[in-house]
Amino acid sequence: MDTTYRVSVSKQTFAPVRFGLSLFGHCCAAVLEWHERQRITASLLDLSDRELHDIGIARGEIDFVASNRSADPRGAVNSRA
């Protein structure tokens, strides 16, 4: 006797699995954002005061610029954002 079993696969995932995957995705995004901020901060700290002045950033504004890349530290609207 040959019996075929058909397994029904639901397209919905179990709620805790979705939550876990979502949480993991948010954590990964946060780590990537933090890494990018650290990279930008390190790059700006390597510049001389003259080079920072040329691009319109004071040394005290480096943390702000790295954290708020879409904002202009001089108060002007960033047209590329």
PDB file of N, CA and C in Angstrom:
ATOM      1  N   MET A   1       0.834  -1.172   0.000  1.00  0.00           N
ATOM      2  CA  MET A   1       0.000   0.000   0.000  1.00  0.00           C
ATOM      3  C   MET A   1       0.884   1.243   0.000  1.00  0.00           C
ATOM      4  N   ASP A   2       0.648   2.103  -0.947  1.00  0.00           N
ATOM      5  CA  ASP A   2       1.447   3.319  -1.072  1.00  0.00           C
ATOM      6  C   ASP A   2       0.594   4.504  -0.660  1.00  0.00           C
ATOM      7  N   THR A   3       1.017   5.186   0.394  1.00  0.00           N
ATOM      8  CA  THR A   3       0.271   6.343   0.890  1.00  0.00           C
ATOM      9  C   THR A   3       1.139   7.583   0.739  1.00  0.00           C
ATOM     10  N   THR A   4       0.564   8.603   0.174  1.00  0.00           N
ATOM     11  CA  THR A   4       1.282   9.862   0.004  1.00  0.00           C
ATOM     12  C   THR A   4       0.771  10.851   1.042  1.00  0.00           C
ATOM     13  N   TYR A   5       1.687  11.425   1.726  1.00  0.00           N
ATOM     14  CA  TYR A   5       1.322  12.437   2.716  1.00  0.00           C
ATOM     15  C   TYR A   5       1.693  13.795   2.156  1.00  0.00           C
ATOM     16  N   ARG A   6       0.793  14.705   2.289  1.00  0.00           N
ATOM     17  CA  ARG A   6       1.030  16.066   1.820  1.00  0.00           C
ATOM     18  C   ARG A   6       1.169  16.962   3.043  1.00  0.00           C
ATOM     19  N   VAL A   7       2.271  17.622   3.155  1.00  0.00           N
ATOM     20  CA  VAL A   7       2.515  18.515   4.279  1.00  0.00           C
ATOM     21  C   VAL A   7       2.106  19.912   3.870  1.00  0.00           C
ATOM     22  N   SER A   8       1.255  20.482   4.662  1.00  0.00           N
ATOM     23  CA  SER A   8       0.794  21.837   4.398  1.00  0.00           C
ATOM     24  C   SER A   8       1.789  22.819   4.997  1.00  0.00           C
ATOM     25  N   VAL A   9       2.301  23.692   4.174  1.00  0.00           N
ATOM     26  CA  VAL A   9       3.261  24.690   4.645  1.00  0.00           C
ATOM     27  C   VAL A   9       2.559  26.036   4.674  1.00  0.00           C
ATOM     28  N   SER A  10       2.507  26.598   5.859  1.00  0.00           N
ATOM     29  CA  SER A  10       1.884  27.896   6.024  1.00  0.00           C
ATOM     30  C   SER A  10       2.889  28.991   5.696  1.00  0.00           C
ATOM     31  N   LYS A  11       2.433  30.046   5.058  1.00  0.00           N
ATOM     32  CA  LYS A  11       3.304  31.170   4.738  1.00  0.00           C
ATOM     33  C   LYS A  11       3.465  32.104   5.922  1.00  0.00           C
ATOM     34  N   GLN A  12       2.656  31.904   6.944  1.00  0.00           N
ATOM     35  CA  GLN A  12       2.775  32.732   8.138  1.00  0.00           C
ATOM     36  C   GLN A  12       3.784  32.100   9.081  1.00  0.00           C
ATOM     37  N   THR A  13       4.595  32.955   9.689  1.00  0.00           N
ATOM     38  CA  THR A  13       5.560  32.447  10.651  1.00  0.00           C
ATOM     39  C   THR A  13       5.003  32.611  12.050  1.00  0.00           C
ATOM     40  N   PHE A  14       5.544  31.871  12.930  1.00  0.00           N
ATOM     41  CA  PHE A  14       5.146  31.917  14.320  1.00  0.00           C
ATOM     42  C   PHE A  14       5.544  33.280  14.883  1.00  0.00           C
ATOM     43  N   ALA A  15       4.663  33.934  15.630  1.00  0.00           N
ATOM     44  CA  ALA A  15       4.877  35.305  16.101  1.00  0.00           C
ATOM     45  C   ALA A  15       6.204  35.496  16.835  1.00  0.00           C
ATOM     46  N   PRO A  16       6.594  34.625  17.778  1.00  0.00           N
ATOM     47  CA  PRO A  16       7.891  34.841  18.435  1.00  0.00           C
ATOM     48  C   PRO A  16       9.073  34.743  17.473  1.00  0.00           C
ATOM     49  N   VAL A  17       8.940  33.939  16.431  1.00  0.00           N
ATOM     50  CA  VAL A  17      10.016  33.841  15.443  1.00  0.00           C
ATOM     51  C   VAL A  17      10.128  35.151  14.677  1.00  0.00           C
ATOM     52  N   ARG A  18       8.988  35.704  14.258  1.00  0.00           N
ATOM     53  CA  ARG A  18       9.003  36.996  13.562  1.00  0.00           C
ATOM     54  C   ARG A  18       9.604  38.067  14.448  1.00  0.00           C
ATOM     55  N   PHE A  19       9.215  38.087  15.724  1.00  0.00           N
ATOM     56  CA  PHE A  19       9.735  39.083  16.654  1.00  0.00           C
ATOM     57  C   PHE A  19      11.239  38.926  16.818  1.00  0.00           C
ATOM     58  N   GLY A  20      11.703  37.687  16.961  1.00  0.00           N
ATOM     59  CA  GLY A  20      13.137  37.429  17.114  1.00  0.00           C
ATOM     60  C   GLY A  20      13.926  37.865  15.898  1.00  0.00           C
ATOM     61  N   LEU A  21      13.408  37.582  14.722  1.00  0.00           N
ATOM     62  CA  LEU A  21      14.087  37.987  13.491  1.00  0.00           C
ATOM     63  C   LEU A  21      14.088  39.504  13.351  1.00  0.00           C
ATOM     64  N   SER A  22      12.980  40.128  13.714  1.00  0.00           N
ATOM     65  CA  SER A  22      12.894  41.579  13.655  1.00  0.00           C
ATOM     66  C   SER A  22      13.881  42.214  14.631  1.00  0.00           C
ATOM     67  N   LEU A  23      13.938  41.680  15.840  1.00  0.00           N
ATOM     68  CA  LEU A  23      14.858  42.194  16.847  1.00  0.00           C
ATOM     69  C   LEU A  23      16.301  42.024  16.381  1.00  0.00           C
ATOM     70  N   PHE A  24      16.614  40.871  15.810  1.00  0.00           N
ATOM     71  CA  PHE A  24      17.962  40.621  15.295  1.00  0.00           C
ATOM     72  C   PHE A  24      18.309  41.621  14.187  1.00  0.00           C
ATOM     73  N   GLY A  25      17.348  41.878  13.309  1.00  0.00           N
ATOM     74  CA  GLY A  25      17.577  42.842  12.228  1.00  0.00           C
ATOM     75  C   GLY A  25      17.829  44.242  12.753  1.00  0.00           C
ATOM     76  N   HIS A  26      17.065  44.647  13.763  1.00  0.00           N
ATOM     77  CA  HIS A  26      17.258  45.969  14.355  1.00  0.00           C
ATOM     78  C   HIS A  26      18.611  46.066  15.053  1.00  0.00           C
ATOM     79  N   CYS A  27      19.009  45.007  15.725  1.00  0.00           N
ATOM     80  CA  CYS A  27      20.315  44.991  16.404  1.00  0.00           C
ATOM     81  C   CYS A  27      21.445  45.084  15.382  1.00  0.00           C
ATOM     82  N   CYS A  28      21.329  44.349  14.299  1.00  0.00           N
ATOM     83  CA  CYS A  28      22.357  44.401  13.250  1.00  0.00           C
ATOM     84  C   CYS A  28      22.444  45.799  12.654  1.00  0.00           C
ATOM     85  N   ALA A  29      21.308  46.411  12.390  1.00  0.00           N
ATOM     86  CA  ALA A  29      21.293  47.760  11.829  1.00  0.00           C
ATOM     87  C   ALA A  29      21.928  48.757  12.797  1.00  0.00           C
ATOM     88  N   ALA A  30      21.649  48.612  14.091  1.00  0.00           N
ATOM     89  CA  ALA A  30      22.223  49.505  15.092  1.00  0.00           C
ATOM     90  C   ALA A  30      23.741  49.352  15.169  1.00  0.00           C
ATOM     91  N   VAL A  31      24.221  48.119  15.086  1.00  0.00           N
ATOM     92  CA  VAL A  31      25.669  47.882  15.129  1.00  0.00           C
ATOM     93  C   VAL A  31      26.330  48.465  13.882  1.00  0.00           C
ATOM     94  N   LEU A  32      25.713  48.293  12.727  1.00  0.00           N
ATOM     95  CA  LEU A  32      26.269  48.859  11.495  1.00  0.00           C
ATOM     96  C   LEU A  32      26.290  50.383  11.545  1.00  0.00           C
ATOM     97  N   GLU A  33      25.237  50.983  12.080  1.00  0.00           N
ATOM     98  CA  GLU A  33      25.181  52.444  12.222  1.00  0.00           C
ATOM     99  C   GLU A  33      26.271  52.927  13.175  1.00  0.00           C
ATOM    100  N   TRP A  34      26.449  52.237  14.301  1.00  0.00           N
ATOM    101  CA  TRP A  34      27.475  52.604  15.270  1.00  0.00           C
ATOM    102  C   TRP A  34      28.858  52.506  14.620  1.00  0.00           C
ATOM    103  N   HIS A  35      29.099  51.436  13.861  1.00  0.00           N
ATOM    104  CA  HIS A  35      30.390  51.255  13.197  1.00  0.00           C
ATOM    105  C   HIS A  35      30.654  52.377  12.197  1.00  0.00           C
ATOM    106  N   GLU A  36      29.649  52.763  11.455  1.00  0.00           N
ATOM    107  CA  GLU A  36      29.791  53.846  10.480  1.00  0.00           C
ATOM    108  C   GLU A  36      30.105  55.168  11.194  1.00  0.00           C
ATOM    109  N   ARG A  37      29.419  55.434  12.312  1.00  0.00           N
ATOM    110  CA  ARG A  37      29.696  56.642  13.096  1.00  0.00           C
ATOM    111  C   ARG A  37      31.138  56.651  13.597  1.00  0.00           C
ATOM    112  N   GLN A  38      31.616  55.499  14.072  1.00  0.00           N
ATOM    113  CA  GLN A  38      32.996  55.410  14.572  1.00  0.00           C
ATOM    114  C   GLN A  38      34.000  55.649  13.437  1.00  0.00           C
ATOM    115  N   ARG A  39      33.705  55.124  12.260  1.00  0.00           N
ATOM    116  CA  ARG A  39      34.594  55.294  11.112  1.00  0.00           C
ATOM    117  C   ARG A  39      34.682  56.760  10.695  1.00  0.00           C
ATOM    118  N   ILE A  40      33.514  57.421  10.646  1.00  0.00           N
ATOM    119  CA  ILE A  40      33.488  58.836  10.268  1.00  0.00           C
ATOM    120  C   ILE A  40      34.193  59.687  11.319  1.00  0.00           C
ATOM    121  N   THR A  41      33.945  59.399  12.591  1.00  0.00           N
ATOM    122  CA  THR A  41      34.596  60.144  13.672  1.00  0.00           C
ATOM    123  C   THR A  41      36.105  60.002  13.580  1.00  0.00           C
ATOM    124  N   ALA A  42      36.594  58.797  13.376  1.00  0.00           N
ATOM    125  CA  ALA A  42      38.035  58.565  13.273  1.00  0.00           C
ATOM    126  C   ALA A  42      38.628  59.307  12.074  1.00  0.00           C
ATOM    127  N   SER A  43      37.916  59.288  10.960  1.00  0.00           N
ATOM    128  CA  SER A  43      38.403  59.983   9.761  1.00  0.00           C
ATOM    129  C   SER A  43      38.489  61.487   9.990  1.00  0.00           C
ATOM    130  N   LEU A  44      37.471  62.050  10.626  1.00  0.00           N
ATOM    131  CA  LEU A  44      37.479  63.492  10.882  1.00  0.00           C
ATOM    132  C   LEU A  44      38.520  63.874  11.922  1.00  0.00           C
ATOM    133  N   LEU A  45      38.724  63.033  12.920  1.00  0.00           N
ATOM    134  CA  LEU A  45      39.737  63.330  13.932  1.00  0.00           C
ATOM    135  C   LEU A  45      41.145  63.290  13.351  1.00  0.00           C
ATOM    136  N   ASP A  46      41.347  62.551  12.270  1.00  0.00           N
ATOM    137  CA  ASP A  46      42.659  62.486  11.622  1.00  0.00           C
ATOM    138  C   ASP A  46      42.990  63.748  10.833  1.00  0.00           C
ATOM    139  N   LEU A  47      41.983  64.568  10.525  1.00  0.00           N
ATOM    140  CA  LEU A  47      42.217  65.798   9.768  1.00  0.00           C
ATOM    141  C   LEU A  47      42.831  66.863  10.658  1.00  0.00           C
ATOM    142  N   SER A  48      43.599  67.755  10.040  1.00  0.00           N
ATOM    143  CA  SER A  48      44.166  68.885  10.784  1.00  0.00           C
ATOM    144  C   SER A  48      43.075  69.938  10.989  1.00  0.00           C
ATOM    145  N   ASP A  49      43.361  70.893  11.873  1.00  0.00           N
ATOM    146  CA  ASP A  49      42.400  71.972  12.112  1.00  0.00           C
ATOM    147  C   ASP A  49      42.152  72.774  10.834  1.00  0.00           C
ATOM    148  N   ARG A  50      43.174  72.948  10.026  1.00  0.00           N
ATOM    149  CA  ARG A  50      43.036  73.684   8.769  1.00  0.00           C
ATOM    150  C   ARG A  50      42.111  72.934   7.799  1.00  0.00           C
ATOM    151  N   GLU A  51      42.290  71.618   7.709  1.00  0.00           N
ATOM    152  CA  GLU A  51      41.446  70.815   6.821  1.00  0.00           C
ATOM    153  C   GLU A  51      40.000  70.820   7.298  1.00  0.00           C
ATOM    154  N   LEU A  52      39.800  70.734   8.603  1.00  0.00           N
ATOM    155  CA  LEU A  52      38.437  70.818   9.140  1.00  0.00           C
ATOM    156  C   LEU A  52      37.819  72.176   8.838  1.00  0.00           C
ATOM    157  N   HIS A  53      38.608  73.232   8.977  1.00  0.00           N
ATOM    158  CA  HIS A  53      38.117  74.582   8.674  1.00  0.00           C
ATOM    159  C   HIS A  53      37.722  74.698   7.198  1.00  0.00           C
ATOM    160  N   ASP A  54      38.505  74.065   6.336  1.00  0.00           N
ATOM    161  CA  ASP A  54      38.207  74.102   4.896  1.00  0.00           C
ATOM    162  C   ASP A  54      36.852  73.482   4.569  1.00  0.00           C
ATOM    163  N   ILE A  55      36.459  72.456   5.293  1.00  0.00           N
ATOM    164  CA  ILE A  55      35.161  71.825   5.017  1.00  0.00           C
ATOM    165  C   ILE A  55      34.055  72.370   5.928  1.00  0.00           C
ATOM    166  N   GLY A  56      34.399  73.349   6.762  1.00  0.00           N
ATOM    167  CA  GLY A  56      33.384  74.035   7.554  1.00  0.00           C
ATOM    168  C   GLY A  56      32.982  73.329   8.831  1.00  0.00           C
ATOM    169  N   ILE A  57      33.896  72.578   9.421  1.00  0.00           N
ATOM    170  CA  ILE A  57      33.596  71.855  10.656  1.00  0.00           C
ATOM    171  C   ILE A  57      34.640  72.226  11.702  1.00  0.00           C
ATOM    172  N   ALA A  58      34.186  72.550  12.897  1.00  0.00           N
ATOM    173  CA  ALA A  58      35.102  72.775  14.013  1.00  0.00           C
ATOM    174  C   ALA A  58      35.363  71.437  14.693  1.00  0.00           C
ATOM    175  N   ARG A  59      36.500  71.326  15.366  1.00  0.00           N
ATOM    176  CA  ARG A  59      36.849  70.073  16.022  1.00  0.00           C
ATOM    177  C   ARG A  59      35.780  69.663  17.038  1.00  0.00           C
ATOM    178  N   GLY A  60      35.150  70.615  17.683  1.00  0.00           N
ATOM    179  CA  GLY A  60      34.109  70.319  18.668  1.00  0.00           C
ATOM    180  C   GLY A  60      32.807  69.809  18.050  1.00  0.00           C
ATOM    181  N   GLU A  61      32.660  69.924  16.747  1.00  0.00           N
ATOM    182  CA  GLU A  61      31.441  69.487  16.054  1.00  0.00           C
ATOM    183  C   GLU A  61      31.551  68.092  15.443  1.00  0.00           C
ATOM    184  N   ILE A  62      32.690  67.448  15.610  1.00  0.00           N
ATOM    185  CA  ILE A  62      32.914  66.153  14.962  1.00  0.00           C
ATOM    186  C   ILE A  62      31.893  65.115  15.407  1.00  0.00           C
ATOM    187  N   ASP A  63      31.626  65.010  16.704  1.00  0.00           N
ATOM    188  CA  ASP A  63      30.640  64.028  17.180  1.00  0.00           C
ATOM    189  C   ASP A  63      29.254  64.308  16.608  1.00  0.00           C
ATOM    190  N   PHE A  64      28.879  65.580  16.537  1.00  0.00           N
ATOM    191  CA  PHE A  64      27.577  65.941  15.978  1.00  0.00           C
ATOM    192  C   PHE A  64      27.497  65.567  14.503  1.00  0.00           C
ATOM    193  N   VAL A  65      28.535  65.875  13.762  1.00  0.00           N
ATOM    194  CA  VAL A  65      28.548  65.594  12.318  1.00  0.00           C
ATOM    195  C   VAL A  65      28.483  64.094  12.068  1.00  0.00           C
ATOM    196  N   ALA A  66      29.216  63.325  12.858  1.00  0.00           N
ATOM    197  CA  ALA A  66      29.213  61.871  12.676  1.00  0.00           C
ATOM    198  C   ALA A  66      27.864  61.265  13.040  1.00  0.00           C
ATOM    199  N   SER A  67      27.194  61.818  14.041  1.00  0.00           N
ATOM    200  CA  SER A  67      25.905  61.276  14.478  1.00  0.00           C
ATOM    201  C   SER A  67      24.741  61.744  13.619  1.00  0.00           C
ATOM    202  N   ASN A  68      24.859  62.923  13.033  1.00  0.00           N
ATOM    203  CA  ASN A  68      23.767  63.511  12.244  1.00  0.00           C
ATOM    204  C   ASN A  68      24.278  63.832  10.851  1.00  0.00           C
ATOM    205  N   ARG A  69      24.519  62.797  10.075  1.00  0.00           N
ATOM    206  CA  ARG A  69      25.131  62.997   8.760  1.00  0.00           C
ATOM    207  C   ARG A  69      24.235  63.762   7.795  1.00  0.00           C
ATOM    208  N   SER A  70      22.933  63.743   8.011  1.00  0.00           N
ATOM    209  CA  SER A  70      22.046  64.454   7.086  1.00  0.00           C
ATOM    210  C   SER A  70      21.894  65.926   7.458  1.00  0.00           C
ATOM    211  N   ALA A  71      22.368  66.330   8.638  1.00  0.00           N
ATOM    212  CA  ALA A  71      22.247  67.723   9.073  1.00  0.00           C
ATOM    213  C   ALA A  71      23.543  68.472   8.800  1.00  0.00           C
ATOM    214  N   ASP A  72      23.418  69.734   8.482  1.00  0.00           N
ATOM    215  CA  ASP A  72      24.571  70.585   8.258  1.00  0.00           C
ATOM    216  C   ASP A  72      24.902  71.279   9.578  1.00  0.00           C
ATOM    217  N   PRO A  73      26.124  71.155  10.101  1.00  0.00           N
ATOM    218  CA  PRO A  73      26.456  71.755  11.389  1.00  0.00           C
ATOM    219  C   PRO A  73      26.399  73.276  11.383  1.00  0.00           C
ATOM    220  N   ARG A  74      26.406  73.892  10.200  1.00  0.00           N
ATOM    221  CA  ARG A  74      26.335  75.351  10.124  1.00  0.00           C
ATOM    222  C   ARG A  74      24.901  75.850  10.108  1.00  0.00           C
ATOM    223  N   GLY A  75      23.935  74.931  10.127  1.00  0.00           N
ATOM    224  CA  GLY A  75      22.534  75.335  10.167  1.00  0.00           C
ATOM    225  C   GLY A  75      21.879  75.419   8.798  1.00  0.00           C
ATOM    226  N   ALA A  76      22.642  75.278   7.741  1.00  0.00           N
ATOM    227  CA  ALA A  76      22.080  75.326   6.397  1.00  0.00           C
ATOM    228  C   ALA A  76      21.424  73.985   6.084  1.00  0.00           C
ATOM    229  N   VAL A  77      20.477  74.014   5.177  1.00  0.00           N
ATOM    230  CA  VAL A  77      19.791  72.792   4.776  1.00  0.00           C
ATOM    231  C   VAL A  77      20.675  72.023   3.810  1.00  0.00           C
ATOM    232  N   ASN A  78      20.820  70.734   4.044  1.00  0.00           N
ATOM    233  CA  ASN A  78      21.610  69.883   3.176  1.00  0.00           C
ATOM    234  C   ASN A  78      20.781  69.523   1.963  1.00  0.00           C
ATOM    235  N   SER A  79      21.181  69.954   0.771  1.00  0.00           N
ATOM    236  CA  SER A  79      20.387  69.735  -0.430  1.00  0.00           C
ATOM    237  C   SER A  79      20.526  68.321  -0.973  1.00  0.00           C
ATOM    238  N   ARG A  80      21.552  67.553  -0.548  1.00  0.00           N
ATOM    239  CA  ARG A  80      21.745  66.199  -1.046  1.00  0.00           C
ATOM    240  C   ARG A  80      21.002  65.169  -0.229  1.00  0.00           C
ATOM    241  N   ALA A  81      20.416  65.492   0.893  1.00  0.00           N
ATOM    242  CA  ALA A  81      19.767  64.507   1.758  1.00  0.00           C
ATOM    243  C   ALA A  81      18.419  64.116   1.249  1.00  0.00           C
TER     244      ALA A  81
END
